[in-house]
Each structure stands twice: as C-alpha cells, then as structure tokens.
Amino acid sequence: MTTAPILGRLLVERSSLLGSSETTLDRVPVGVPVTATAKIAGVRTSSGRVSLILDDEWGGSASVIIESSRVVAAFRTAGAKPEPGVRVQLHGAVTPPVAKCPKGIQAHAIRVVK
C-alpha cells in the first residue's frame, strides 16, 4: 500500500556551524537555508514565479516558490522540461506556514539532477 506524501515534511539538508545534517522541513526554523533533492510532483506558473510541489522518496513533500527565469535557465541547460517526475536539487530558505499550508521553501537556485 502506498501512502500520499505529507506536505511540509520533505527531507532537507540543513547546514550549521557543526556541519550539515538531514532532517524534515517541518523541523527547520523559518528563514534557515536548506538544500533539497527530490522529484517534481506538480508545477504551476504565475506572474514571473514557478510553484513546484516536490516529493522525496521517504513520504515527504513540500511547496517551493522560485523565480521563473531561474527555472527556465536550469531546465534549458539540462535539456529537460519542468514536469512531474524530473529530479531537481534546490537551495533556498524555509518559509513560514500560511493559512492551512505548512512551511515551504523560497528557492534561489535550482538544477536538474539525474
């Protein structure tokens, strides 16, 4: 039986003075930089921004916002399209929960990974 990924629980890497460690997004304070590698589950574009839903392999997912120009550049370089199933790595900062949506990521860099 397969369960749906839990939004806000994406596995991320968090850097600190003691090095980096893996944890879930919901355990990282707002504003802290994180790195995530996961597959795209959903894509939506609007007014110069792209909203991605990323799913990891361990039952977590997260909502990510990034400037569309960064997405276009990353996918053009990789010769791919931003579509479900494509694996990406991104760097950004944890955003606060809004309404009924849990913490997310405001990404400032993205790249396609194999």
PDB file of N, CA and C in Angstrom:
ATOM      1  N   MET A   1       0.839  -1.175   0.000  1.00  0.00           N
ATOM      2  CA  MET A   1       0.000   0.000   0.000  1.00  0.00           C
ATOM      3  C   MET A   1       0.885   1.239   0.000  1.00  0.00           C
ATOM      4  N   THR A   2       0.556   2.208  -0.851  1.00  0.00           N
ATOM      5  CA  THR A   2       1.311   3.445  -0.959  1.00  0.00           C
ATOM      6  C   THR A   2       0.545   4.563  -0.270  1.00  0.00           C
ATOM      7  N   THR A   3       1.262   5.369   0.509  1.00  0.00           N
ATOM      8  CA  THR A   3       0.615   6.499   1.175  1.00  0.00           C
ATOM      9  C   THR A   3       0.994   7.789   0.468  1.00  0.00           C
ATOM     10  N   ALA A   4       0.146   8.778   0.572  1.00  0.00           N
ATOM     11  CA  ALA A   4       0.414  10.079  -0.030  1.00  0.00           C
ATOM     12  C   ALA A   4       1.503  10.799   0.752  1.00  0.00           C
ATOM     13  N   PRO A   5       2.403  11.481   0.045  1.00  0.00           N
ATOM     14  CA  PRO A   5       3.435  12.252   0.744  1.00  0.00           C
ATOM     15  C   PRO A   5       2.813  13.329   1.637  1.00  0.00           C
ATOM     16  N   ILE A   6       3.466  13.603   2.736  1.00  0.00           N
ATOM     17  CA  ILE A   6       2.971  14.596   3.692  1.00  0.00           C
ATOM     18  C   ILE A   6       3.605  15.942   3.377  1.00  0.00           C
ATOM     19  N   LEU A   7       2.756  16.920   3.031  1.00  0.00           N
ATOM     20  CA  LEU A   7       3.219  18.256   2.678  1.00  0.00           C
ATOM     21  C   LEU A   7       3.891  18.912   3.893  1.00  0.00           C
ATOM     22  N   GLY A   8       5.084  19.466   3.663  1.00  0.00           N
ATOM     23  CA  GLY A   8       5.836  20.120   4.738  1.00  0.00           C
ATOM     24  C   GLY A   8       6.842  19.219   5.422  1.00  0.00           C
ATOM     25  N   ARG A   9       6.924  17.956   4.997  1.00  0.00           N
ATOM     26  CA  ARG A   9       7.848  17.013   5.638  1.00  0.00           C
ATOM     27  C   ARG A   9       8.940  16.521   4.688  1.00  0.00           C
ATOM     28  N   LEU A  10       9.241  17.316   3.669  1.00  0.00           N
ATOM     29  CA  LEU A  10      10.293  16.967   2.717  1.00  0.00           C
ATOM     30  C   LEU A  10      11.619  16.808   3.452  1.00  0.00           C
ATOM     31  N   LEU A  11      12.393  15.815   3.073  1.00  0.00           N
ATOM     32  CA  LEU A  11      13.722  15.626   3.646  1.00  0.00           C
ATOM     33  C   LEU A  11      14.646  16.691   3.073  1.00  0.00           C
ATOM     34  N   VAL A  12      15.298  17.453   3.941  1.00  0.00           N
ATOM     35  CA  VAL A  12      16.191  18.536   3.523  1.00  0.00           C
ATOM     36  C   VAL A  12      17.524  18.417   4.242  1.00  0.00           C
ATOM     37  N   GLU A  13      18.515  19.094   3.701  1.00  0.00           N
ATOM     38  CA  GLU A  13      19.817  19.180   4.345  1.00  0.00           C
ATOM     39  C   GLU A  13      19.963  20.593   4.885  1.00  0.00           C
ATOM     40  N   ARG A  14      20.340  20.664   6.136  1.00  0.00           N
ATOM     41  CA  ARG A  14      20.482  21.953   6.820  1.00  0.00           C
ATOM     42  C   ARG A  14      21.931  22.105   7.259  1.00  0.00           C
ATOM     43  N   SER A  15      22.533  23.234   6.913  1.00  0.00           N
ATOM     44  CA  SER A  15      23.917  23.492   7.309  1.00  0.00           C
ATOM     45  C   SER A  15      23.943  24.258   8.622  1.00  0.00           C
ATOM     46  N   SER A  16      24.957  23.981   9.426  1.00  0.00           N
ATOM     47  CA  SER A  16      25.150  24.703  10.678  1.00  0.00           C
ATOM     48  C   SER A  16      26.644  24.802  10.953  1.00  0.00           C
ATOM     49  N   LEU A  17      26.998  25.403  12.052  1.00  0.00           N
ATOM     50  CA  LEU A  17      28.411  25.515  12.426  1.00  0.00           C
ATOM     51  C   LEU A  17      29.046  24.155  12.662  1.00  0.00           C
ATOM     52  N   LEU A  18      28.233  23.168  12.978  1.00  0.00           N
ATOM     53  CA  LEU A  18      28.734  21.822  13.248  1.00  0.00           C
ATOM     54  C   LEU A  18      28.748  20.950  11.994  1.00  0.00           C
ATOM     55  N   GLY A  19      28.400  21.512  10.848  1.00  0.00           N
ATOM     56  CA  GLY A  19      28.338  20.754   9.600  1.00  0.00           C
ATOM     57  C   GLY A  19      26.900  20.685   9.116  1.00  0.00           C
ATOM     58  N   SER A  20      26.645  19.777   8.207  1.00  0.00           N
ATOM     59  CA  SER A  20      25.285  19.660   7.692  1.00  0.00           C
ATOM     60  C   SER A  20      24.624  18.390   8.225  1.00  0.00           C
ATOM     61  N   SER A  21      23.295  18.432   8.273  1.00  0.00           N
ATOM     62  CA  SER A  21      22.559  17.267   8.741  1.00  0.00           C
ATOM     63  C   SER A  21      21.236  17.196   7.991  1.00  0.00           C
ATOM     64  N   GLU A  22      20.690  15.992   7.890  1.00  0.00           N
ATOM     65  CA  GLU A  22      19.402  15.803   7.237  1.00  0.00           C
ATOM     66  C   GLU A  22      18.294  15.820   8.275  1.00  0.00           C
ATOM     67  N   THR A  23      17.193  16.440   7.918  1.00  0.00           N
ATOM     68  CA  THR A  23      16.017  16.495   8.772  1.00  0.00           C
ATOM     69  C   THR A  23      14.819  16.762   7.877  1.00  0.00           C
ATOM     70  N   THR A  24      13.645  16.808   8.445  1.00  0.00           N
ATOM     71  CA  THR A  24      12.471  17.147   7.647  1.00  0.00           C
ATOM     72  C   THR A  24      12.208  18.648   7.749  1.00  0.00           C
ATOM     73  N   LEU A  25      11.620  19.179   6.703  1.00  0.00           N
ATOM     74  CA  LEU A  25      11.388  20.617   6.602  1.00  0.00           C
ATOM     75  C   LEU A  25      10.645  21.185   7.808  1.00  0.00           C
ATOM     76  N   ASP A  26       9.682  20.452   8.327  1.00  0.00           N
ATOM     77  CA  ASP A  26       8.898  20.943   9.453  1.00  0.00           C
ATOM     78  C   ASP A  26       9.721  21.146  10.726  1.00  0.00           C
ATOM     79  N   ARG A  27      10.922  20.597  10.775  1.00  0.00           N
ATOM     80  CA  ARG A  27      11.782  20.727  11.957  1.00  0.00           C
ATOM     81  C   ARG A  27      12.820  21.842  11.830  1.00  0.00           C
ATOM     82  N   VAL A  28      12.810  22.529  10.687  1.00  0.00           N
ATOM     83  CA  VAL A  28      13.785  23.591  10.446  1.00  0.00           C
ATOM     84  C   VAL A  28      13.111  24.945  10.688  1.00  0.00           C
ATOM     85  N   PRO A  29      13.743  25.831  11.448  1.00  0.00           N
ATOM     86  CA  PRO A  29      13.154  27.148  11.697  1.00  0.00           C
ATOM     87  C   PRO A  29      12.996  27.969  10.417  1.00  0.00           C
ATOM     88  N   VAL A  30      12.007  28.828  10.406  1.00  0.00           N
ATOM     89  CA  VAL A  30      11.749  29.728   9.281  1.00  0.00           C
ATOM     90  C   VAL A  30      12.985  30.591   9.041  1.00  0.00           C
ATOM     91  N   GLY A  31      13.329  30.772   7.765  1.00  0.00           N
ATOM     92  CA  GLY A  31      14.457  31.614   7.383  1.00  0.00           C
ATOM     93  C   GLY A  31      15.781  30.893   7.267  1.00  0.00           C
ATOM     94  N   VAL A  32      15.857  29.671   7.769  1.00  0.00           N
ATOM     95  CA  VAL A  32      17.109  28.919   7.733  1.00  0.00           C
ATOM     96  C   VAL A  32      17.329  28.347   6.327  1.00  0.00           C
ATOM     97  N   PRO A  33      18.554  28.457   5.803  1.00  0.00           N
ATOM     98  CA  PRO A  33      18.846  27.903   4.475  1.00  0.00           C
ATOM     99  C   PRO A  33      18.801  26.370   4.481  1.00  0.00           C
ATOM    100  N   VAL A  34      18.274  25.811   3.391  1.00  0.00           N
ATOM    101  CA  VAL A  34      18.210  24.359   3.232  1.00  0.00           C
ATOM    102  C   VAL A  34      18.529  23.986   1.788  1.00  0.00           C
ATOM    103  N   THR A  35      18.897  22.723   1.600  1.00  0.00           N
ATOM    104  CA  THR A  35      19.090  22.132   0.281  1.00  0.00           C
ATOM    105  C   THR A  35      18.191  20.915   0.224  1.00  0.00           C
ATOM    106  N   ALA A  36      17.530  20.724  -0.914  1.00  0.00           N
ATOM    107  CA  ALA A  36      16.653  19.564  -1.073  1.00  0.00           C
ATOM    108  C   ALA A  36      16.862  18.956  -2.449  1.00  0.00           C
ATOM    109  N   THR A  37      16.784  17.633  -2.506  1.00  0.00           N
ATOM    110  CA  THR A  37      16.835  16.905  -3.768  1.00  0.00           C
ATOM    111  C   THR A  37      15.616  16.002  -3.800  1.00  0.00           C
ATOM    112  N   ALA A  38      14.752  16.200  -4.807  1.00  0.00           N
ATOM    113  CA  ALA A  38      13.506  15.446  -4.873  1.00  0.00           C
ATOM    114  C   ALA A  38      12.934  15.507  -6.285  1.00  0.00           C
ATOM    115  N   LYS A  39      11.875  14.735  -6.505  1.00  0.00           N
ATOM    116  CA  LYS A  39      11.202  14.731  -7.806  1.00  0.00           C
ATOM    117  C   LYS A  39      10.055  15.734  -7.818  1.00  0.00           C
ATOM    118  N   ILE A  40       9.872  16.359  -8.962  1.00  0.00           N
ATOM    119  CA  ILE A  40       8.741  17.268  -9.138  1.00  0.00           C
ATOM    120  C   ILE A  40       7.464  16.448  -9.198  1.00  0.00           C
ATOM    121  N   ALA A  41       6.475  16.838  -8.403  1.00  0.00           N
ATOM    122  CA  ALA A  41       5.164  16.189  -8.421  1.00  0.00           C
ATOM    123  C   ALA A  41       4.125  17.104  -9.068  1.00  0.00           C
ATOM    124  N   GLY A  42       4.389  18.416  -9.061  1.00  0.00           N
ATOM    125  CA  GLY A  42       3.462  19.369  -9.654  1.00  0.00           C
ATOM    126  C   GLY A  42       4.155  20.668  -9.985  1.00  0.00           C
ATOM    127  N   VAL A  43       3.666  21.345 -11.033  1.00  0.00           N
ATOM    128  CA  VAL A  43       4.239  22.613 -11.488  1.00  0.00           C
ATOM    129  C   VAL A  43       3.099  23.575 -11.805  1.00  0.00           C
ATOM    130  N   ARG A  44       3.249  24.816 -11.350  1.00  0.00           N
ATOM    131  CA  ARG A  44       2.290  25.866 -11.695  1.00  0.00           C
ATOM    132  C   ARG A  44       3.074  27.161 -11.873  1.00  0.00           C
ATOM    133  N   THR A  45       2.743  27.915 -12.915  1.00  0.00           N
ATOM    134  CA  THR A  45       3.418  29.184 -13.156  1.00  0.00           C
ATOM    135  C   THR A  45       2.430  30.334 -13.007  1.00  0.00           C
ATOM    136  N   SER A  46       2.933  31.454 -12.502  1.00  0.00           N
ATOM    137  CA  SER A  46       2.113  32.664 -12.407  1.00  0.00           C
ATOM    138  C   SER A  46       2.996  33.867 -12.144  1.00  0.00           C
ATOM    139  N   SER A  47       2.760  34.921 -12.873  1.00  0.00           N
ATOM    140  CA  SER A  47       3.430  36.220 -12.742  1.00  0.00           C
ATOM    141  C   SER A  47       4.906  36.157 -12.363  1.00  0.00           C
ATOM    142  N   GLY A  48       5.705  35.522 -13.226  1.00  0.00           N
ATOM    143  CA  GLY A  48       7.153  35.517 -13.036  1.00  0.00           C
ATOM    144  C   GLY A  48       7.675  34.552 -11.999  1.00  0.00           C
ATOM    145  N   ARG A  49       6.796  33.712 -11.474  1.00  0.00           N
ATOM    146  CA  ARG A  49       7.216  32.732 -10.453  1.00  0.00           C
ATOM    147  C   ARG A  49       6.711  31.352 -10.825  1.00  0.00           C
ATOM    148  N   VAL A  50       7.419  30.372 -10.337  1.00  0.00           N
ATOM    149  CA  VAL A  50       7.008  28.987 -10.526  1.00  0.00           C
ATOM    150  C   VAL A  50       6.784  28.380  -9.151  1.00  0.00           C
ATOM    151  N   SER A  51       5.676  27.693  -9.015  1.00  0.00           N
ATOM    152  CA  SER A  51       5.366  26.961  -7.788  1.00  0.00           C
ATOM    153  C   SER A  51       5.523  25.479  -8.092  1.00  0.00           C
ATOM    154  N   LEU A  52       6.382  24.829  -7.330  1.00  0.00           N
ATOM    155  CA  LEU A  52       6.623  23.398  -7.500  1.00  0.00           C
ATOM    156  C   LEU A  52       6.153  22.652  -6.262  1.00  0.00           C
ATOM    157  N   ILE A  53       5.667  21.467  -6.452  1.00  0.00           N
ATOM    158  CA  ILE A  53       5.476  20.531  -5.342  1.00  0.00           C
ATOM    159  C   ILE A  53       6.524  19.454  -5.555  1.00  0.00           C
ATOM    160  N   LEU A  54       7.374  19.266  -4.567  1.00  0.00           N
ATOM    161  CA  LEU A  54       8.426  18.250  -4.635  1.00  0.00           C
ATOM    162  C   LEU A  54       8.094  17.090  -3.706  1.00  0.00           C
ATOM    163  N   ASP A  55       8.372  15.886  -4.154  1.00  0.00           N
ATOM    164  CA  ASP A  55       8.199  14.675  -3.339  1.00  0.00           C
ATOM    165  C   ASP A  55       9.546  13.992  -3.187  1.00  0.00           C
ATOM    166  N   ASP A  56       9.868  13.603  -1.950  1.00  0.00           N
ATOM    167  CA  ASP A  56      11.087  12.833  -1.740  1.00  0.00           C
ATOM    168  C   ASP A  56      10.736  11.342  -1.790  1.00  0.00           C
ATOM    169  N   GLU A  57      11.669  10.499  -1.523  1.00  0.00           N
ATOM    170  CA  GLU A  57      11.446   9.048  -1.586  1.00  0.00           C
ATOM    171  C   GLU A  57      11.001   8.467  -0.247  1.00  0.00           C
ATOM    172  N   TRP A  58      10.805   9.325   0.758  1.00  0.00           N
ATOM    173  CA  TRP A  58      10.522   8.839   2.099  1.00  0.00           C
ATOM    174  C   TRP A  58       9.175   9.316   2.636  1.00  0.00           C
ATOM    175  N   GLY A  59       8.286   9.734   1.740  1.00  0.00           N
ATOM    176  CA  GLY A  59       6.940  10.119   2.166  1.00  0.00           C
ATOM    177  C   GLY A  59       6.762  11.577   2.523  1.00  0.00           C
ATOM    178  N   GLY A  60       7.716  12.419   2.172  1.00  0.00           N
ATOM    179  CA  GLY A  60       7.594  13.848   2.448  1.00  0.00           C
ATOM    180  C   GLY A  60       7.461  14.648   1.170  1.00  0.00           C
ATOM    181  N   SER A  61       6.876  15.810   1.295  1.00  0.00           N
ATOM    182  CA  SER A  61       6.766  16.714   0.153  1.00  0.00           C
ATOM    183  C   SER A  61       6.819  18.147   0.653  1.00  0.00           C
ATOM    184  N   ALA A  62       6.964  19.078  -0.290  1.00  0.00           N
ATOM    185  CA  ALA A  62       6.996  20.495   0.081  1.00  0.00           C
ATOM    186  C   ALA A  62       6.601  21.346  -1.111  1.00  0.00           C
ATOM    187  N   SER A  63       6.084  22.505  -0.788  1.00  0.00           N
ATOM    188  CA  SER A  63       5.771  23.522  -1.776  1.00  0.00           C
ATOM    189  C   SER A  63       6.982  24.434  -1.898  1.00  0.00           C
ATOM    190  N   VAL A  64       7.373  24.726  -3.135  1.00  0.00           N
ATOM    191  CA  VAL A  64       8.550  25.547  -3.398  1.00  0.00           C
ATOM    192  C   VAL A  64       8.166  26.675  -4.351  1.00  0.00           C
ATOM    193  N   ILE A  65       8.614  27.872  -4.065  1.00  0.00           N
ATOM    194  CA  ILE A  65       8.427  29.029  -4.945  1.00  0.00           C
ATOM    195  C   ILE A  65       9.801  29.469  -5.431  1.00  0.00           C
ATOM    196  N   ILE A  66       9.903  29.752  -6.738  1.00  0.00           N
ATOM    197  CA  ILE A  66      11.170  30.197  -7.314  1.00  0.00           C
ATOM    198  C   ILE A  66      10.869  31.082  -8.528  1.00  0.00           C
ATOM    199  N   GLU A  67      11.762  32.027  -8.809  1.00  0.00           N
ATOM    200  CA  GLU A  67      11.601  32.888  -9.983  1.00  0.00           C
ATOM    201  C   GLU A  67      11.632  32.036 -11.244  1.00  0.00           C
ATOM    202  N   SER A  68      10.718  32.336 -12.175  1.00  0.00           N
ATOM    203  CA  SER A  68      10.619  31.528 -13.393  1.00  0.00           C
ATOM    204  C   SER A  68      11.888  31.597 -14.238  1.00  0.00           C
ATOM    205  N   SER A  69      12.595  32.725 -14.219  1.00  0.00           N
ATOM    206  CA  SER A  69      13.829  32.834 -15.011  1.00  0.00           C
ATOM    207  C   SER A  69      14.878  31.819 -14.554  1.00  0.00           C
ATOM    208  N   ARG A  70      14.924  31.533 -13.274  1.00  0.00           N
ATOM    209  CA  ARG A  70      15.884  30.541 -12.756  1.00  0.00           C
ATOM    210  C   ARG A  70      15.499  29.129 -13.199  1.00  0.00           C
ATOM    211  N   VAL A  71      14.210  28.860 -13.221  1.00  0.00           N
ATOM    212  CA  VAL A  71      13.732  27.546 -13.660  1.00  0.00           C
ATOM    213  C   VAL A  71      14.016  27.357 -15.147  1.00  0.00           C
ATOM    214  N   VAL A  72      13.692  28.373 -15.943  1.00  0.00           N
ATOM    215  CA  VAL A  72      13.936  28.302 -17.392  1.00  0.00           C
ATOM    216  C   VAL A  72      15.414  28.050 -17.661  1.00  0.00           C
ATOM    217  N   ALA A  73      16.295  28.779 -17.006  1.00  0.00           N
ATOM    218  CA  ALA A  73      17.742  28.623 -17.217  1.00  0.00           C
ATOM    219  C   ALA A  73      18.215  27.221 -16.828  1.00  0.00           C
ATOM    220  N   ALA A  74      17.770  26.725 -15.699  1.00  0.00           N
ATOM    221  CA  ALA A  74      18.203  25.403 -15.230  1.00  0.00           C
ATOM    222  C   ALA A  74      17.748  24.296 -16.167  1.00  0.00           C
ATOM    223  N   PHE A  75      16.506  24.367 -16.618  1.00  0.00           N
ATOM    224  CA  PHE A  75      15.989  23.314 -17.470  1.00  0.00           C
ATOM    225  C   PHE A  75      16.523  23.425 -18.895  1.00  0.00           C
ATOM    226  N   ARG A  76      16.781  24.632 -19.352  1.00  0.00           N
ATOM    227  CA  ARG A  76      17.387  24.800 -20.679  1.00  0.00           C
ATOM    228  C   ARG A  76      18.775  24.186 -20.673  1.00  0.00           C
ATOM    229  N   THR A  77      19.544  24.449 -19.627  1.00  0.00           N
ATOM    230  CA  THR A  77      20.894  23.891 -19.507  1.00  0.00           C
ATOM    231  C   THR A  77      20.861  22.363 -19.506  1.00  0.00           C
ATOM    232  N   ALA A  78      19.863  21.785 -18.850  1.00  0.00           N
ATOM    233  CA  ALA A  78      19.756  20.330 -18.749  1.00  0.00           C
ATOM    234  C   ALA A  78      19.080  19.689 -19.957  1.00  0.00           C
ATOM    235  N   GLY A  79      18.477  20.517 -20.819  1.00  0.00           N
ATOM    236  CA  GLY A  79      17.764  19.973 -21.968  1.00  0.00           C
ATOM    237  C   GLY A  79      16.524  19.191 -21.562  1.00  0.00           C
ATOM    238  N   ALA A  80      15.864  19.655 -20.497  1.00  0.00           N
ATOM    239  CA  ALA A  80      14.675  18.965 -19.986  1.00  0.00           C
ATOM    240  C   ALA A  80      13.539  19.966 -19.830  1.00  0.00           C
ATOM    241  N   LYS A  81      12.360  19.447 -19.493  1.00  0.00           N
ATOM    242  CA  LYS A  81      11.199  20.294 -19.223  1.00  0.00           C
ATOM    243  C   LYS A  81      10.847  20.191 -17.744  1.00  0.00           C
ATOM    244  N   PRO A  82      10.362  21.283 -17.135  1.00  0.00           N
ATOM    245  CA  PRO A  82       9.932  21.208 -15.722  1.00  0.00           C
ATOM    246  C   PRO A  82       8.586  20.504 -15.634  1.00  0.00           C
ATOM    247  N   GLU A  83       8.629  19.204 -15.477  1.00  0.00           N
ATOM    248  CA  GLU A  83       7.412  18.410 -15.440  1.00  0.00           C
ATOM    249  C   GLU A  83       7.517  17.337 -14.361  1.00  0.00           C
ATOM    250  N   PRO A  84       6.375  16.783 -13.953  1.00  0.00           N
ATOM    251  CA  PRO A  84       6.392  15.743 -12.929  1.00  0.00           C
ATOM    252  C   PRO A  84       7.326  14.587 -13.298  1.00  0.00           C
ATOM    253  N   GLY A  85       8.045  14.126 -12.282  1.00  0.00           N
ATOM    254  CA  GLY A  85       8.973  13.016 -12.449  1.00  0.00           C
ATOM    255  C   GLY A  85      10.418  13.441 -12.603  1.00  0.00           C
ATOM    256  N   VAL A  86      10.659  14.711 -12.946  1.00  0.00           N
ATOM    257  CA  VAL A  86      12.032  15.195 -13.105  1.00  0.00           C
ATOM    258  C   VAL A  86      12.619  15.458 -11.724  1.00  0.00           C
ATOM    259  N   ARG A  87      13.845  14.997 -11.523  1.00  0.00           N
ATOM    260  CA  ARG A  87      14.532  15.156 -10.233  1.00  0.00           C
ATOM    261  C   ARG A  87      15.336  16.454 -10.249  1.00  0.00           C
ATOM    262  N   VAL A  88      15.186  17.253  -9.190  1.00  0.00           N
ATOM    263  CA  VAL A  88      15.892  18.521  -9.080  1.00  0.00           C
ATOM    264  C   VAL A  88      16.561  18.650  -7.717  1.00  0.00           C
ATOM    265  N   GLN A  89      17.555  19.510  -7.683  1.00  0.00           N
ATOM    266  CA  GLN A  89      18.172  19.904  -6.412  1.00  0.00           C
ATOM    267  C   GLN A  89      18.010  21.407  -6.318  1.00  0.00           C
ATOM    268  N   LEU A  90      17.616  21.883  -5.150  1.00  0.00           N
ATOM    269  CA  LEU A  90      17.445  23.315  -4.986  1.00  0.00           C
ATOM    270  C   LEU A  90      18.003  23.782  -3.660  1.00  0.00           C
ATOM    271  N   HIS A  91      18.305  25.076  -3.635  1.00  0.00           N
ATOM    272  CA  HIS A  91      18.801  25.732  -2.423  1.00  0.00           C
ATOM    273  C   HIS A  91      17.868  26.898  -2.149  1.00  0.00           C
ATOM    274  N   GLY A  92      17.534  27.099  -0.892  1.00  0.00           N
ATOM    275  CA  GLY A  92      16.648  28.195  -0.542  1.00  0.00           C
ATOM    276  C   GLY A  92      16.488  28.314   0.957  1.00  0.00           C
ATOM    277  N   ALA A  93      15.481  29.077   1.359  1.00  0.00           N
ATOM    278  CA  ALA A  93      15.216  29.307   2.777  1.00  0.00           C
ATOM    279  C   ALA A  93      13.801  28.850   3.119  1.00  0.00           C
ATOM    280  N   VAL A  94      13.645  28.386   4.339  1.00  0.00           N
ATOM    281  CA  VAL A  94      12.345  27.911   4.820  1.00  0.00           C
ATOM    282  C   VAL A  94      11.395  29.093   4.979  1.00  0.00           C
ATOM    283  N   THR A  95      10.183  28.924   4.457  1.00  0.00           N
ATOM    284  CA  THR A  95       9.157  29.965   4.570  1.00  0.00           C
ATOM    285  C   THR A  95       8.144  29.576   5.640  1.00  0.00           C
ATOM    286  N   PRO A  96       7.482  30.563   6.248  1.00  0.00           N
ATOM    287  CA  PRO A  96       6.520  30.256   7.308  1.00  0.00           C
ATOM    288  C   PRO A  96       5.246  29.618   6.756  1.00  0.00           C
ATOM    289  N   PRO A  97       4.527  28.912   7.622  1.00  0.00           N
ATOM    290  CA  PRO A  97       3.236  28.371   7.205  1.00  0.00           C
ATOM    291  C   PRO A  97       2.281  29.525   6.885  1.00  0.00           C
ATOM    292  N   VAL A  98       1.414  29.309   5.904  1.00  0.00           N
ATOM    293  CA  VAL A  98       0.418  30.302   5.519  1.00  0.00           C
ATOM    294  C   VAL A  98      -0.944  29.624   5.470  1.00  0.00           C
ATOM    295  N   ALA A  99      -1.901  30.201   6.184  1.00  0.00           N
ATOM    296  CA  ALA A  99      -3.258  29.623   6.258  1.00  0.00           C
ATOM    297  C   ALA A  99      -3.147  28.160   6.679  1.00  0.00           C
ATOM    298  N   LYS A 100      -3.617  27.257   5.851  1.00  0.00           N
ATOM    299  CA  LYS A 100      -3.566  25.827   6.187  1.00  0.00           C
ATOM    300  C   LYS A 100      -2.397  25.109   5.526  1.00  0.00           C
ATOM    301  N   CYS A 101      -1.504  25.867   4.881  1.00  0.00           N
ATOM    302  CA  CYS A 101      -0.334  25.277   4.222  1.00  0.00           C
ATOM    303  C   CYS A 101       0.854  25.292   5.178  1.00  0.00           C
ATOM    304  N   PRO A 102       1.556  24.166   5.294  1.00  0.00           N
ATOM    305  CA  PRO A 102       2.725  24.109   6.184  1.00  0.00           C
ATOM    306  C   PRO A 102       3.918  24.874   5.600  1.00  0.00           C
ATOM    307  N   LYS A 103       5.028  24.858   6.311  1.00  0.00           N
ATOM    308  CA  LYS A 103       6.256  25.509   5.859  1.00  0.00           C
ATOM    309  C   LYS A 103       6.593  25.061   4.440  1.00  0.00           C
ATOM    310  N   GLY A 104       7.235  25.952   3.694  1.00  0.00           N
ATOM    311  CA  GLY A 104       7.679  25.655   2.338  1.00  0.00           C
ATOM    312  C   GLY A 104       9.096  26.144   2.156  1.00  0.00           C
ATOM    313  N   ILE A 105       9.495  26.317   0.901  1.00  0.00           N
ATOM    314  CA  ILE A 105      10.849  26.778   0.589  1.00  0.00           C
ATOM    315  C   ILE A 105      10.766  27.886  -0.455  1.00  0.00           C
ATOM    316  N   GLN A 106      11.454  28.992  -0.199  1.00  0.00           N
ATOM    317  CA  GLN A 106      11.666  30.040  -1.202  1.00  0.00           C
ATOM    318  C   GLN A 106      13.032  29.741  -1.792  1.00  0.00           C
ATOM    319  N   ALA A 107      13.058  29.182  -2.996  1.00  0.00           N
ATOM    320  CA  ALA A 107      14.314  28.745  -3.609  1.00  0.00           C
ATOM    321  C   ALA A 107      14.993  29.896  -4.327  1.00  0.00           C
ATOM    322  N   HIS A 108      16.321  29.894  -4.305  1.00  0.00           N
ATOM    323  CA  HIS A 108      17.081  30.897  -5.045  1.00  0.00           C
ATOM    324  C   HIS A 108      17.996  30.247  -6.070  1.00  0.00           C
ATOM    325  N   ALA A 109      18.088  28.916  -6.076  1.00  0.00           N
ATOM    326  CA  ALA A 109      18.883  28.194  -7.070  1.00  0.00           C
ATOM    327  C   ALA A 109      18.255  26.826  -7.280  1.00  0.00           C
ATOM    328  N   ILE A 110      18.293  26.357  -8.526  1.00  0.00           N
ATOM    329  CA  ILE A 110      17.740  25.049  -8.855  1.00  0.00           C
ATOM    330  C   ILE A 110      18.551  24.446  -9.989  1.00  0.00           C
ATOM    331  N   ARG A 111      18.674  23.134  -9.976  1.00  0.00           N
ATOM    332  CA  ARG A 111      19.319  22.428 -11.091  1.00  0.00           C
ATOM    333  C   ARG A 111      18.690  21.058 -11.241  1.00  0.00           C
ATOM    334  N   VAL A 112      18.720  20.569 -12.457  1.00  0.00           N
ATOM    335  CA  VAL A 112      18.194  19.245 -12.752  1.00  0.00           C
ATOM    336  C   VAL A 112      19.289  18.236 -12.436  1.00  0.00           C
ATOM    337  N   VAL A 113      18.919  17.153 -11.747  1.00  0.00           N
ATOM    338  CA  VAL A 113      19.885  16.105 -11.431  1.00  0.00           C
ATOM    339  C   VAL A 113      19.382  14.778 -11.980  1.00  0.00           C
ATOM    340  N   LYS A 114      20.291  13.890 -12.255  1.00  0.00           N
ATOM    341  CA  LYS A 114      19.934  12.572 -12.808  1.00  0.00           C
ATOM    342  C   LYS A 114      19.744  11.573 -11.715  1.00  0.00           C
TER     343      LYS A 114
END
